[in-house]
Protein backbone atom coordinates (compact mmCIF):
# COMPACT_ATOMS: atom_id res chain seq x y z
CA UNK A 1 -0.17 28.89 9.13
CA UNK A 2 -3.40 27.52 10.60
CA UNK A 3 -6.08 26.28 8.24
CA UNK A 4 -9.29 28.33 8.22
CA UNK A 5 -12.30 26.58 9.76
CA UNK A 6 -14.28 26.53 6.49
CA UNK A 7 -11.26 25.20 4.58
CA UNK A 8 -10.74 22.46 7.18
CA UNK A 9 -14.44 21.57 6.97
CA UNK A 10 -14.28 21.42 3.16
CA UNK A 11 -11.12 19.31 3.26
CA UNK A 12 -12.74 16.83 5.67
CA UNK A 13 -15.93 16.71 3.55
CA UNK A 14 -13.95 16.06 0.35
CA UNK A 15 -11.87 13.31 1.98
CA UNK A 16 -14.98 11.64 3.42
CA UNK A 17 -16.83 11.84 0.09
CA UNK A 18 -13.83 10.46 -1.80
CA UNK A 19 -13.41 7.58 0.64
CA UNK A 20 -17.10 6.69 0.29
CA UNK A 21 -17.06 6.84 -3.50
CA UNK A 22 -13.85 4.82 -3.78
CA UNK A 23 -15.40 2.16 -1.51
CA UNK A 24 -18.73 2.08 -3.29
CA UNK A 25 -18.15 2.84 -6.97
CA UNK A 26 -16.31 1.35 -9.91
CA UNK A 27 -13.06 3.29 -10.24
CA UNK A 28 -13.98 4.40 -13.76
CA UNK A 29 -16.96 6.28 -12.31
CA UNK A 30 -15.11 8.18 -9.59
CA UNK A 31 -14.22 11.68 -10.74
CA UNK A 32 -13.30 14.99 -9.15
CA UNK A 33 -16.70 16.34 -10.18
CA UNK A 34 -18.57 13.47 -8.46
CA UNK A 35 -16.44 13.80 -5.33
CA UNK A 36 -17.03 17.56 -5.25
CA UNK A 37 -20.77 17.07 -5.65
CA UNK A 38 -20.88 14.46 -2.88
CA UNK A 39 -18.86 16.77 -0.60
CA UNK A 40 -21.05 19.78 -1.35
CA UNK A 41 -18.20 21.88 -2.72
CA UNK A 42 -17.15 23.06 -6.16
CA UNK A 43 -14.81 21.04 -8.36
CA UNK A 44 -12.38 23.98 -8.34
CA UNK A 45 -12.14 23.68 -4.54
CA UNK A 46 -11.14 20.04 -4.85
CA UNK A 47 -8.62 20.79 -7.60
CA UNK A 48 -7.04 23.67 -5.65
CA UNK A 49 -6.68 21.51 -2.58
CA UNK A 50 -5.63 18.15 -4.09
CA UNK A 51 -4.72 18.81 -7.73
CA UNK A 52 -6.12 15.64 -9.25
CA UNK A 53 -7.44 12.21 -8.30
CA UNK A 54 -3.96 10.90 -7.54
CA UNK A 55 -3.40 13.80 -5.15
CA UNK A 56 -6.68 13.00 -3.46
CA UNK A 57 -5.82 9.29 -3.15
CA UNK A 58 -2.43 10.26 -1.72
CA UNK A 59 -4.11 12.51 0.86
CA UNK A 60 -6.46 9.69 1.90
CA UNK A 61 -3.78 7.06 2.25
CA UNK A 62 -1.00 9.25 3.69
CA UNK A 63 -1.95 8.96 7.40
CA UNK A 64 -2.18 5.17 7.07
CA UNK A 65 1.20 5.03 5.35
CA UNK A 66 2.73 7.20 8.07
CA UNK A 67 1.35 4.95 10.80
CA UNK A 68 2.83 1.80 9.25
CA UNK A 69 6.15 3.50 8.47
CA UNK A 70 6.37 4.56 12.10
CA UNK A 71 5.87 0.98 13.26
CA UNK A 72 8.52 -0.21 10.78
CA UNK A 73 11.06 2.48 11.73
CA UNK A 74 10.65 2.53 15.49
CA UNK A 75 8.24 -0.17 16.61
CA UNK A 76 9.03 -3.32 18.51
CA UNK A 77 10.83 -6.18 16.72
CA UNK A 78 10.27 -8.16 14.64
CA UNK A 79 8.44 -5.47 12.60
CA UNK A 80 10.53 -2.67 14.10
CA UNK A 81 14.33 -2.56 14.06
CA UNK A 82 16.38 -5.35 15.58
CA UNK A 83 15.65 -8.99 16.05
CA UNK A 84 16.14 -12.01 13.84
CA UNK A 85 16.48 -11.18 10.12
CA UNK A 86 14.10 -13.90 8.89
CA UNK A 87 11.46 -13.06 11.52
CA UNK A 88 11.82 -9.38 10.59
CA UNK A 89 11.26 -10.16 6.90
CA UNK A 90 8.16 -12.25 7.59
CA UNK A 91 6.68 -9.68 10.00
CA UNK A 92 7.19 -7.01 7.34
CA UNK A 93 5.55 -9.16 4.65
CA UNK A 94 2.53 -9.69 6.91
CA UNK A 95 2.33 -5.95 7.63
CA UNK A 96 2.45 -5.08 3.91
CA UNK A 97 -0.08 -7.76 3.02
CA UNK A 98 -2.47 -6.58 5.74
CA UNK A 99 -1.94 -2.97 4.64
CA UNK A 100 -3.03 -3.88 1.11
CA UNK A 101 -6.10 -5.72 2.40
CA UNK A 102 -7.05 -2.86 4.74
CA UNK A 103 -6.55 -0.17 2.08
CA UNK A 104 -7.56 -2.18 -0.95
CA UNK A 105 -9.80 0.39 -2.69
CA UNK A 106 -7.33 3.24 -2.30
CA UNK A 107 -4.46 1.13 -3.59
CA UNK A 108 -6.62 0.02 -6.54
CA UNK A 109 -7.32 3.70 -7.24
CA UNK A 110 -3.61 4.45 -7.12
CA UNK A 111 -2.93 1.59 -9.54
CA UNK A 112 -5.79 2.71 -11.77
CA UNK A 113 -5.16 6.44 -12.13
CA UNK A 114 -1.55 6.69 -13.13
CA UNK A 115 1.02 4.76 -15.12
CA UNK A 116 3.57 3.29 -12.75
CA UNK A 117 1.88 5.15 -9.86
CA UNK A 118 1.98 2.02 -7.73
CA UNK A 119 5.76 1.82 -7.98
CA UNK A 120 6.74 5.48 -8.36
CA UNK A 121 5.13 7.14 -5.35
CA UNK A 122 7.35 7.82 -2.32
CA UNK A 123 5.49 5.38 -0.06
CA UNK A 124 6.00 2.51 -2.50
CA UNK A 125 9.67 3.39 -2.84
CA UNK A 126 9.97 3.19 0.95
CA UNK A 127 8.17 -0.21 1.03
CA UNK A 128 10.36 -1.60 -1.78
CA UNK A 129 13.64 -0.32 -0.30
CA UNK A 130 12.74 -1.67 3.14
CA UNK A 131 11.74 -4.99 1.60
CA UNK A 132 15.06 -5.19 -0.28
CA UNK A 133 16.97 -4.46 2.94
CA UNK A 134 15.10 -7.15 4.85
CA UNK A 135 15.45 -9.73 2.07
CA UNK A 136 19.19 -8.97 1.89
CA UNK A 137 19.55 -9.32 5.68
CA UNK A 138 17.77 -12.69 5.63
CA UNK A 139 19.28 -13.97 2.35
CA UNK A 140 22.50 -12.06 1.59
CA UNK A 141 23.43 -14.17 -1.45
CA UNK A 142 20.34 -13.46 -3.58
CA UNK A 143 19.44 -10.41 -5.69
CA UNK A 144 17.38 -8.60 -3.07
CA UNK A 145 16.69 -5.56 -5.26
CA UNK A 146 15.05 -7.58 -8.00
CA UNK A 147 13.25 -9.88 -5.58
CA UNK A 148 11.85 -6.92 -3.63
CA UNK A 149 10.25 -5.57 -6.83
CA UNK A 150 8.89 -9.01 -7.75
CA UNK A 151 7.41 -9.54 -4.29
CA UNK A 152 6.00 -5.99 -4.26
CA UNK A 153 4.31 -6.74 -7.59
CA UNK A 154 2.73 -9.82 -6.01
CA UNK A 155 1.33 -7.46 -3.35
CA UNK A 156 -0.53 -5.30 -5.89
CA UNK A 157 -4.20 -4.99 -5.03
CA UNK A 158 -5.20 -5.94 -8.58
CA UNK A 159 -3.11 -9.13 -8.39
CA UNK A 160 -4.60 -10.08 -5.04
CA UNK A 161 -8.09 -9.24 -6.34
CA UNK A 162 -7.61 -11.40 -9.44
CA UNK A 163 -6.36 -14.35 -7.39
CA UNK A 164 -9.24 -14.08 -4.91
CA UNK A 165 -12.10 -13.39 -7.31
CA UNK A 166 -11.11 -15.20 -10.49
CA UNK A 167 -8.79 -17.97 -9.30
CA UNK A 168 -10.79 -18.49 -6.06
CA UNK A 169 -7.69 -18.53 -3.85
CA UNK A 170 -8.25 -17.76 -0.21
CA UNK A 171 -6.38 -14.91 1.44
CA UNK A 172 -4.10 -17.10 3.54
CA UNK A 173 -3.01 -19.08 0.49
CA UNK A 174 -2.01 -15.82 -1.22
CA UNK A 175 -0.24 -14.62 1.94
CA UNK A 176 1.71 -17.89 2.13
CA UNK A 177 2.70 -17.50 -1.52
CA UNK A 178 4.08 -14.01 -0.91
CA UNK A 179 6.16 -15.38 1.98
CA UNK A 180 7.47 -18.19 -0.22
CA UNK A 181 8.44 -15.75 -2.97
CA UNK A 182 10.42 -13.58 -0.55
CA UNK A 183 11.98 -16.44 1.41
CA UNK A 184 12.02 -19.62 -0.68
CA UNK A 185 12.24 -22.76 1.49
CA UNK A 186 15.17 -24.21 -0.49
CA UNK A 187 17.26 -21.12 0.33
CA UNK A 188 16.63 -21.22 4.06
CA UNK A 189 19.62 -22.23 6.17
CA UNK A 190 19.60 -25.58 7.84
CA UNK A 191 20.37 -29.22 7.17
CA UNK A 192 19.84 -30.42 3.60
CA UNK A 193 18.30 -33.77 2.93
């Protein structure tokens, strides 16, 4: 069924208002009522369409998730299928890290509005499972399932924010740390000294 023109307009206005408020405001001050007001629609319209704030965040981030998942599933190696296992793991880590940086405020909202929302949503489950598969392919003797969750936790927007703002670590230092967690140098194949 095709969406009515006024409904499509309202949906676009709500998404634009939400994106603006999430970028500009403290997360504690973003509410369905404020988003509805900024979009020029009633709160009931927002609730019918998105349910709650988590539903709205999911709607905002979904096209970005789909784009990255498409690159992971069918793009060129090393991010897409095939290629060297270690290069594939590192390309994936860079893609996830960049995804967090590019979608920082929406990921913070996801972390903020629901217990375990960061880990429990379907996109996160895809990222974690893919990370575990790539860690296992690169390092088959380590516990890839646990390590994938630990590395994914290091990729939380609140963790990255804390390290940047309060520990004054630059972005590339944090990125390098995530790579080291997932692929520790002492476990890499090669001659030992």
